[in-house]
């Protein structure tokens, strides 16, 4: 909610065990925003949701009924988001290099083995820095939320 600027809306969020028997032991993240006008969500906001929660399902509910259902896929590019950065300290986009006009930008690539990620388990995708071509696992592009924030446009 914070990344999208939706913290101003009354609601709740959490992670719960699925009650569906076909899912087995699965946990689901749920965000509830009563009185939120889902018709006003823009394509860039949907891309942000896909970036932070790839593979998620969004149910737009009105009057206790699902009126729209969206399945978000892993985006081809992740950029211009708070809390992402290249882990290559030599990269022009690395926060330590203080190039404030250069934003972190990652492009999705099919998984490949590389000495840059020793012992990396095979995954469906890697995210490669646009500037230095350093490969990252999805979970490695996110920072701990320190001082590296970029303005969303």
N, C-alpha and C. Protein backbone atom coordinates (compact mmCIF):
# COMPACT_ATOMS: atom_id res chain seq x y z
N UNK A 1 0.83 -1.20 0.00
CA UNK A 1 0.00 0.00 0.00
C UNK A 1 0.86 1.25 0.00
N UNK A 2 1.97 1.21 0.72
CA UNK A 2 2.83 2.39 0.82
C UNK A 2 3.41 2.76 -0.54
N UNK A 3 3.92 1.81 -1.28
CA UNK A 3 4.55 2.08 -2.58
C UNK A 3 3.56 2.71 -3.54
N UNK A 4 2.31 2.31 -3.48
CA UNK A 4 1.29 2.85 -4.38
C UNK A 4 0.63 4.13 -3.87
N UNK A 5 0.95 4.51 -2.65
CA UNK A 5 0.32 5.69 -2.08
C UNK A 5 -1.09 5.41 -1.58
N UNK A 6 -1.39 4.15 -1.32
CA UNK A 6 -2.73 3.77 -0.89
C UNK A 6 -2.86 3.69 0.63
N UNK A 7 -1.83 4.09 1.36
CA UNK A 7 -1.90 4.06 2.82
C UNK A 7 -2.94 5.02 3.35
N UNK A 8 -3.32 6.00 2.54
CA UNK A 8 -4.32 6.98 2.96
C UNK A 8 -5.72 6.38 3.01
N UNK A 9 -5.92 5.22 2.40
CA UNK A 9 -7.24 4.59 2.39
C UNK A 9 -7.42 3.70 3.61
N UNK A 10 -8.61 3.75 4.18
CA UNK A 10 -8.93 2.89 5.32
C UNK A 10 -8.98 1.45 4.82
N UNK A 11 -8.37 0.56 5.57
CA UNK A 11 -8.37 -0.84 5.17
C UNK A 11 -7.41 -1.64 6.03
N UNK A 12 -7.15 -2.85 5.60
CA UNK A 12 -6.23 -3.71 6.33
C UNK A 12 -5.51 -4.62 5.35
N UNK A 13 -4.46 -5.24 5.86
CA UNK A 13 -3.70 -6.18 5.05
C UNK A 13 -3.08 -7.21 5.98
N UNK A 14 -2.80 -8.36 5.43
CA UNK A 14 -2.19 -9.41 6.23
C UNK A 14 -1.93 -10.64 5.39
N UNK A 15 -1.33 -11.63 6.03
CA UNK A 15 -1.04 -12.91 5.38
C UNK A 15 -1.79 -13.98 6.16
N UNK A 16 -2.54 -14.79 5.43
CA UNK A 16 -3.40 -15.79 6.05
C UNK A 16 -3.23 -17.13 5.36
N UNK A 17 -3.54 -18.21 6.10
CA UNK A 17 -3.54 -19.53 5.48
C UNK A 17 -4.77 -19.67 4.62
N UNK A 18 -4.60 -20.30 3.47
CA UNK A 18 -5.72 -20.52 2.56
C UNK A 18 -6.68 -21.53 3.17
N UNK A 19 -7.96 -21.27 3.00
CA UNK A 19 -8.97 -22.22 3.50
C UNK A 19 -9.38 -23.20 2.42
N UNK A 20 -8.89 -23.02 1.21
CA UNK A 20 -9.22 -23.91 0.10
C UNK A 20 -8.49 -25.24 0.27
N UNK A 21 -9.22 -26.34 0.20
CA UNK A 21 -8.61 -27.65 0.37
C UNK A 21 -7.74 -28.02 -0.83
N UNK A 22 -8.05 -27.52 -2.00
CA UNK A 22 -7.26 -27.87 -3.18
C UNK A 22 -5.90 -27.18 -3.17
N UNK A 23 -5.76 -26.09 -2.42
CA UNK A 23 -4.49 -25.38 -2.36
C UNK A 23 -3.47 -26.05 -1.45
N UNK A 24 -3.91 -26.96 -0.61
CA UNK A 24 -3.00 -27.56 0.35
C UNK A 24 -2.60 -26.52 1.38
N UNK A 25 -1.35 -26.56 1.83
CA UNK A 25 -0.87 -25.58 2.81
C UNK A 25 -0.29 -24.38 2.06
N UNK A 26 -1.11 -23.39 1.83
CA UNK A 26 -0.72 -22.20 1.08
C UNK A 26 -1.10 -20.97 1.90
N UNK A 27 -0.23 -19.98 1.87
CA UNK A 27 -0.57 -18.72 2.52
C UNK A 27 -0.86 -17.68 1.45
N UNK A 28 -1.74 -16.75 1.78
CA UNK A 28 -2.14 -15.72 0.85
C UNK A 28 -2.06 -14.36 1.53
N UNK A 29 -1.56 -13.39 0.77
CA UNK A 29 -1.57 -12.02 1.25
C UNK A 29 -2.88 -11.38 0.85
N UNK A 30 -3.53 -10.73 1.78
CA UNK A 30 -4.82 -10.10 1.49
C UNK A 30 -4.75 -8.63 1.87
N UNK A 31 -5.23 -7.80 0.96
CA UNK A 31 -5.33 -6.37 1.21
C UNK A 31 -6.79 -6.01 0.98
N UNK A 32 -7.40 -5.41 1.98
CA UNK A 32 -8.80 -5.02 1.90
C UNK A 32 -8.90 -3.51 2.01
N UNK A 33 -9.51 -2.90 1.00
CA UNK A 33 -9.68 -1.44 0.97
C UNK A 33 -11.15 -1.12 0.72
N UNK A 34 -11.98 -1.14 1.77
CA UNK A 34 -13.40 -0.82 1.57
C UNK A 34 -13.55 0.59 1.00
N UNK A 35 -14.55 0.77 0.18
CA UNK A 35 -14.86 2.06 -0.43
C UNK A 35 -13.77 2.57 -1.38
N UNK A 36 -12.87 1.69 -1.79
CA UNK A 36 -11.83 2.05 -2.75
C UNK A 36 -12.40 1.90 -4.15
N UNK A 37 -12.27 2.92 -4.98
CA UNK A 37 -12.81 2.88 -6.34
C UNK A 37 -11.79 2.23 -7.26
N UNK A 38 -11.93 0.91 -7.45
CA UNK A 38 -10.96 0.15 -8.23
C UNK A 38 -10.96 0.57 -9.70
N UNK A 39 -12.05 1.17 -10.17
CA UNK A 39 -12.10 1.59 -11.57
C UNK A 39 -11.12 2.72 -11.86
N UNK A 40 -10.61 3.37 -10.83
CA UNK A 40 -9.67 4.47 -11.01
C UNK A 40 -8.21 4.03 -11.01
N UNK A 41 -7.96 2.72 -10.84
CA UNK A 41 -6.58 2.22 -10.83
C UNK A 41 -6.02 2.31 -12.24
N UNK A 42 -4.85 2.91 -12.36
CA UNK A 42 -4.23 3.12 -13.67
C UNK A 42 -3.37 1.92 -14.08
N UNK A 43 -3.03 1.86 -15.34
CA UNK A 43 -2.14 0.80 -15.84
C UNK A 43 -0.79 0.85 -15.13
N UNK A 44 -0.17 2.03 -14.95
CA UNK A 44 1.10 2.06 -14.20
C UNK A 44 0.96 1.51 -12.77
N UNK A 45 -0.17 1.77 -12.12
CA UNK A 45 -0.37 1.22 -10.77
C UNK A 45 -0.48 -0.30 -10.81
N UNK A 46 -1.13 -0.84 -11.84
CA UNK A 46 -1.21 -2.30 -11.98
C UNK A 46 0.18 -2.88 -12.21
N UNK A 47 1.02 -2.17 -12.96
CA UNK A 47 2.39 -2.64 -13.19
C UNK A 47 3.19 -2.63 -11.89
N UNK A 48 2.96 -1.63 -11.05
CA UNK A 48 3.63 -1.59 -9.75
C UNK A 48 3.18 -2.79 -8.92
N UNK A 49 1.89 -3.07 -8.89
CA UNK A 49 1.40 -4.24 -8.16
C UNK A 49 2.03 -5.52 -8.68
N UNK A 50 2.14 -5.65 -9.99
CA UNK A 50 2.76 -6.84 -10.58
C UNK A 50 4.23 -6.93 -10.20
N UNK A 51 4.89 -5.79 -10.04
CA UNK A 51 6.30 -5.78 -9.65
C UNK A 51 6.50 -6.23 -8.22
N UNK A 52 5.66 -5.76 -7.31
CA UNK A 52 5.85 -6.10 -5.90
C UNK A 52 5.19 -7.41 -5.51
N UNK A 53 4.23 -7.87 -6.30
CA UNK A 53 3.54 -9.13 -5.99
C UNK A 53 3.28 -9.92 -7.28
N UNK A 54 4.35 -10.35 -7.97
CA UNK A 54 4.14 -11.07 -9.23
C UNK A 54 3.37 -12.36 -9.01
N UNK A 55 2.45 -12.63 -9.92
CA UNK A 55 1.64 -13.85 -9.83
C UNK A 55 0.41 -13.70 -8.95
N UNK A 56 0.19 -12.52 -8.39
CA UNK A 56 -0.96 -12.35 -7.50
C UNK A 56 -2.26 -12.26 -8.30
N UNK A 57 -3.34 -12.53 -7.61
CA UNK A 57 -4.67 -12.37 -8.19
C UNK A 57 -5.33 -11.21 -7.48
N UNK A 58 -5.92 -10.32 -8.26
CA UNK A 58 -6.64 -9.18 -7.68
C UNK A 58 -8.12 -9.40 -7.95
N UNK A 59 -8.90 -9.38 -6.89
CA UNK A 59 -10.35 -9.46 -7.02
C UNK A 59 -10.93 -8.09 -6.68
N UNK A 60 -11.63 -7.50 -7.64
CA UNK A 60 -12.35 -6.25 -7.39
C UNK A 60 -13.75 -6.65 -6.94
N UNK A 61 -14.10 -6.27 -5.72
CA UNK A 61 -15.36 -6.70 -5.11
C UNK A 61 -16.26 -5.50 -4.89
N UNK A 62 -17.51 -5.67 -5.26
CA UNK A 62 -18.51 -4.62 -5.03
C UNK A 62 -19.81 -5.31 -4.62
N UNK A 63 -20.40 -4.84 -3.55
CA UNK A 63 -21.63 -5.45 -3.07
C UNK A 63 -21.45 -6.92 -2.72
N UNK A 64 -20.31 -7.27 -2.14
CA UNK A 64 -19.97 -8.64 -1.73
C UNK A 64 -19.84 -9.61 -2.90
N UNK A 65 -19.68 -9.10 -4.11
CA UNK A 65 -19.51 -9.96 -5.29
C UNK A 65 -18.24 -9.55 -6.04
N UNK A 66 -17.53 -10.56 -6.55
CA UNK A 66 -16.35 -10.29 -7.38
C UNK A 66 -16.84 -9.79 -8.73
N UNK A 67 -16.49 -8.55 -9.07
CA UNK A 67 -16.94 -7.99 -10.35
C UNK A 67 -15.84 -8.05 -11.41
N UNK A 68 -14.58 -8.09 -10.99
CA UNK A 68 -13.45 -8.25 -11.91
C UNK A 68 -12.37 -9.05 -11.21
N UNK A 69 -11.66 -9.84 -11.99
CA UNK A 69 -10.56 -10.63 -11.46
C UNK A 69 -9.37 -10.45 -12.39
N UNK A 70 -8.21 -10.15 -11.80
CA UNK A 70 -7.00 -9.92 -12.58
C UNK A 70 -5.88 -10.81 -12.05
N UNK A 71 -5.17 -11.46 -12.95
CA UNK A 71 -4.00 -12.26 -12.59
C UNK A 71 -2.78 -11.51 -13.12
N UNK A 72 -1.94 -11.02 -12.22
CA UNK A 72 -0.79 -10.22 -12.62
C UNK A 72 0.44 -11.10 -12.84
N UNK A 73 1.10 -10.89 -13.94
CA UNK A 73 2.28 -11.67 -14.31
C UNK A 73 3.56 -10.93 -13.94
N UNK A 74 4.66 -11.67 -13.94
CA UNK A 74 5.95 -11.06 -13.67
C UNK A 74 6.23 -10.05 -14.78
N UNK A 75 6.48 -8.80 -14.43
CA UNK A 75 6.69 -7.78 -15.46
C UNK A 75 8.01 -7.98 -16.21
N UNK A 76 8.06 -7.47 -17.43
CA UNK A 76 9.29 -7.54 -18.23
C UNK A 76 10.34 -6.57 -17.73
N UNK A 77 9.90 -5.48 -17.12
CA UNK A 77 10.82 -4.47 -16.60
C UNK A 77 10.32 -4.00 -15.22
N UNK A 78 11.27 -3.77 -14.32
CA UNK A 78 10.95 -3.19 -13.01
C UNK A 78 11.86 -1.98 -12.86
N UNK A 79 11.25 -0.81 -12.69
CA UNK A 79 12.03 0.42 -12.60
C UNK A 79 11.21 1.51 -11.93
N UNK A 80 11.92 2.56 -11.52
CA UNK A 80 11.29 3.74 -10.95
C UNK A 80 10.42 3.43 -9.73
N UNK A 81 10.87 2.49 -8.92
CA UNK A 81 10.16 2.14 -7.69
C UNK A 81 11.04 2.44 -6.49
N UNK A 82 10.41 2.77 -5.37
CA UNK A 82 11.22 2.93 -4.15
C UNK A 82 11.75 1.56 -3.73
N UNK A 83 12.85 1.55 -3.07
CA UNK A 83 13.41 0.35 -2.47
C UNK A 83 13.91 -0.69 -3.45
N UNK A 84 14.34 -0.30 -4.65
CA UNK A 84 15.04 -1.23 -5.53
C UNK A 84 16.40 -0.62 -5.86
N UNK A 85 17.40 -1.49 -6.02
CA UNK A 85 18.72 -1.00 -6.42
C UNK A 85 19.55 -2.15 -6.96
N UNK A 86 20.52 -1.79 -7.80
CA UNK A 86 21.47 -2.76 -8.34
C UNK A 86 22.46 -3.12 -7.24
N UNK A 87 22.77 -4.40 -7.12
CA UNK A 87 23.70 -4.87 -6.08
C UNK A 87 25.17 -4.78 -6.51
N UNK A 88 25.41 -4.41 -7.76
CA UNK A 88 26.78 -4.24 -8.24
C UNK A 88 27.26 -2.86 -7.79
N UNK A 89 28.21 -2.83 -6.86
CA UNK A 89 28.66 -1.54 -6.31
C UNK A 89 29.37 -0.66 -7.34
N UNK A 90 29.75 -1.23 -8.49
CA UNK A 90 30.39 -0.44 -9.55
C UNK A 90 29.39 0.16 -10.54
N UNK A 91 28.14 -0.21 -10.43
CA UNK A 91 27.11 0.26 -11.36
C UNK A 91 26.80 1.74 -11.15
N UNK A 92 26.58 2.43 -12.25
CA UNK A 92 26.25 3.85 -12.18
C UNK A 92 24.96 4.09 -11.40
N UNK A 93 24.06 3.09 -11.37
CA UNK A 93 22.79 3.27 -10.66
C UNK A 93 22.86 2.88 -9.18
N UNK A 94 23.98 2.30 -8.74
CA UNK A 94 24.10 1.90 -7.33
C UNK A 94 24.01 3.15 -6.45
N UNK A 95 23.21 3.11 -5.39
CA UNK A 95 23.01 4.29 -4.54
C UNK A 95 24.30 4.90 -4.00
N UNK A 96 25.30 4.07 -3.71
CA UNK A 96 26.55 4.58 -3.16
C UNK A 96 27.28 5.50 -4.15
N UNK A 97 26.97 5.37 -5.43
CA UNK A 97 27.63 6.21 -6.45
C UNK A 97 26.96 7.56 -6.62
N UNK A 98 25.87 7.78 -5.94
CA UNK A 98 25.19 9.07 -5.84
C UNK A 98 24.89 9.74 -7.19
N UNK A 99 24.50 8.93 -8.14
CA UNK A 99 24.06 9.47 -9.44
C UNK A 99 22.55 9.64 -9.35
N UNK A 100 22.11 10.72 -8.75
CA UNK A 100 20.70 10.90 -8.41
C UNK A 100 19.76 10.90 -9.60
N UNK A 101 20.26 11.19 -10.79
CA UNK A 101 19.39 11.19 -11.97
C UNK A 101 19.31 9.83 -12.65
N UNK A 102 20.03 8.84 -12.13
CA UNK A 102 20.01 7.50 -12.70
C UNK A 102 19.19 6.61 -11.78
N UNK A 103 18.07 6.11 -12.28
CA UNK A 103 17.20 5.27 -11.46
C UNK A 103 17.49 3.80 -11.73
N UNK A 104 17.29 2.98 -10.73
CA UNK A 104 17.46 1.53 -10.90
C UNK A 104 16.46 1.04 -11.93
N UNK A 105 16.93 0.17 -12.82
CA UNK A 105 16.10 -0.30 -13.93
C UNK A 105 16.52 -1.73 -14.23
N UNK A 106 15.58 -2.66 -14.11
CA UNK A 106 15.87 -4.07 -14.33
C UNK A 106 15.01 -4.62 -15.45
N UNK A 107 15.62 -5.48 -16.28
CA UNK A 107 14.90 -6.15 -17.37
C UNK A 107 14.88 -7.64 -17.08
N UNK A 108 13.72 -8.24 -17.28
CA UNK A 108 13.55 -9.67 -17.04
C UNK A 108 14.30 -10.46 -18.11
N UNK A 109 14.97 -11.52 -17.70
CA UNK A 109 15.68 -12.39 -18.64
C UNK A 109 15.45 -13.84 -18.21
N UNK A 110 15.43 -14.77 -19.15
CA UNK A 110 15.32 -16.18 -18.76
C UNK A 110 16.51 -16.54 -17.86
N UNK A 111 16.28 -17.46 -16.94
CA UNK A 111 17.34 -17.85 -16.01
C UNK A 111 18.53 -18.42 -16.76
N UNK A 112 19.72 -18.09 -16.29
CA UNK A 112 20.96 -18.70 -16.79
C UNK A 112 21.94 -18.78 -15.63
N UNK A 113 22.82 -19.77 -15.68
CA UNK A 113 23.82 -19.91 -14.63
C UNK A 113 24.93 -18.91 -14.89
N UNK A 114 25.41 -18.29 -13.80
CA UNK A 114 26.44 -17.27 -13.93
C UNK A 114 27.32 -17.25 -12.68
N UNK A 115 28.58 -16.93 -12.87
CA UNK A 115 29.49 -16.84 -11.73
C UNK A 115 29.16 -15.62 -10.85
N UNK A 116 28.37 -14.69 -11.38
CA UNK A 116 27.96 -13.53 -10.58
C UNK A 116 27.01 -13.92 -9.46
N UNK A 117 26.34 -15.06 -9.62
CA UNK A 117 25.41 -15.56 -8.60
C UNK A 117 25.78 -17.01 -8.26
N UNK A 118 26.90 -17.23 -7.59
CA UNK A 118 27.32 -18.61 -7.29
C UNK A 118 26.31 -19.30 -6.39
N UNK A 119 26.01 -20.53 -6.72
CA UNK A 119 25.08 -21.32 -5.91
C UNK A 119 23.63 -20.91 -6.05
N UNK A 120 23.32 -20.08 -7.01
CA UNK A 120 21.94 -19.63 -7.21
C UNK A 120 21.08 -20.79 -7.70
N UNK A 121 19.97 -21.00 -7.03
CA UNK A 121 19.03 -22.03 -7.45
C UNK A 121 18.34 -21.59 -8.73
N UNK A 122 18.08 -22.54 -9.59
CA UNK A 122 17.40 -22.23 -10.85
C UNK A 122 16.05 -21.60 -10.55
N UNK A 123 15.75 -20.56 -11.26
CA UNK A 123 14.47 -19.87 -11.15
C UNK A 123 13.95 -19.66 -12.57
N UNK A 124 12.74 -19.20 -12.67
CA UNK A 124 12.19 -18.97 -14.00
C UNK A 124 12.86 -17.77 -14.67
N UNK A 125 13.15 -16.74 -13.86
CA UNK A 125 13.70 -15.50 -14.41
C UNK A 125 14.84 -14.97 -13.57
N UNK A 126 15.65 -14.14 -14.20
CA UNK A 126 16.58 -13.26 -13.51
C UNK A 126 16.21 -11.84 -13.94
N UNK A 127 16.63 -10.87 -13.16
CA UNK A 127 16.43 -9.48 -13.54
C UNK A 127 17.81 -8.87 -13.72
N UNK A 128 18.07 -8.34 -14.92
CA UNK A 128 19.38 -7.83 -15.29
C UNK A 128 19.35 -6.30 -15.27
N UNK A 129 20.35 -5.71 -14.63
CA UNK A 129 20.44 -4.25 -14.59
C UNK A 129 20.62 -3.71 -16.00
N UNK A 130 19.86 -2.70 -16.32
CA UNK A 130 19.92 -2.08 -17.65
C UNK A 130 21.29 -1.46 -17.93
N UNK A 131 21.97 -0.97 -16.90
CA UNK A 131 23.21 -0.23 -17.09
C UNK A 131 24.45 -1.12 -17.09
N UNK A 132 24.57 -2.01 -16.12
CA UNK A 132 25.79 -2.81 -16.01
C UNK A 132 25.60 -4.27 -16.39
N UNK A 133 24.35 -4.66 -16.66
CA UNK A 133 24.01 -6.04 -17.06
C UNK A 133 24.26 -7.07 -15.96
N UNK A 134 24.35 -6.63 -14.71
CA UNK A 134 24.55 -7.54 -13.58
C UNK A 134 23.24 -8.29 -13.32
N UNK A 135 23.30 -9.62 -13.23
CA UNK A 135 22.07 -10.39 -12.99
C UNK A 135 21.68 -10.38 -11.51
N UNK A 136 20.39 -10.40 -11.25
CA UNK A 136 19.86 -10.42 -9.89
C UNK A 136 18.70 -11.42 -9.83
N UNK A 137 18.58 -12.09 -8.70
CA UNK A 137 17.34 -12.83 -8.44
C UNK A 137 16.29 -11.79 -8.09
N UNK A 138 15.03 -12.12 -8.28
CA UNK A 138 13.94 -11.17 -8.00
C UNK A 138 14.06 -10.59 -6.59
N UNK A 139 14.26 -11.44 -5.61
CA UNK A 139 14.29 -10.98 -4.22
C UNK A 139 15.51 -10.10 -3.92
N UNK A 140 16.53 -10.14 -4.77
CA UNK A 140 17.74 -9.35 -4.50
C UNK A 140 17.68 -7.92 -5.02
N UNK A 141 16.67 -7.57 -5.80
CA UNK A 141 16.60 -6.18 -6.29
C UNK A 141 16.01 -5.24 -5.24
N UNK A 142 15.38 -5.80 -4.21
CA UNK A 142 14.71 -4.98 -3.20
C UNK A 142 15.66 -4.67 -2.06
N UNK A 143 15.64 -3.41 -1.59
CA UNK A 143 16.47 -3.02 -0.45
C UNK A 143 15.64 -3.14 0.82
N UNK A 144 16.25 -2.82 1.94
CA UNK A 144 15.54 -2.90 3.22
C UNK A 144 14.68 -1.69 3.50
N UNK A 145 14.59 -0.76 2.56
CA UNK A 145 13.76 0.42 2.77
C UNK A 145 14.50 1.57 3.40
N UNK A 146 15.82 1.58 3.28
CA UNK A 146 16.62 2.67 3.83
C UNK A 146 16.37 3.98 3.12
N UNK A 147 17.42 4.70 2.86
CA UNK A 147 17.26 6.04 2.29
C UNK A 147 17.12 6.07 0.78
N UNK A 148 17.02 4.94 0.12
CA UNK A 148 16.99 4.91 -1.34
C UNK A 148 15.57 4.94 -1.86
N UNK A 149 14.99 6.12 -1.97
CA UNK A 149 13.63 6.27 -2.49
C UNK A 149 13.66 7.10 -3.76
N UNK A 150 12.85 6.71 -4.72
CA UNK A 150 12.76 7.43 -5.97
C UNK A 150 11.33 7.85 -6.18
N UNK A 151 11.13 8.94 -6.83
CA UNK A 151 9.78 9.44 -7.10
C UNK A 151 9.14 8.63 -8.22
N UNK A 152 7.91 8.20 -7.99
CA UNK A 152 7.17 7.48 -9.03
C UNK A 152 6.52 8.48 -9.96
N UNK A 153 6.57 8.20 -11.26
CA UNK A 153 5.88 9.05 -12.23
C UNK A 153 4.96 8.23 -13.07
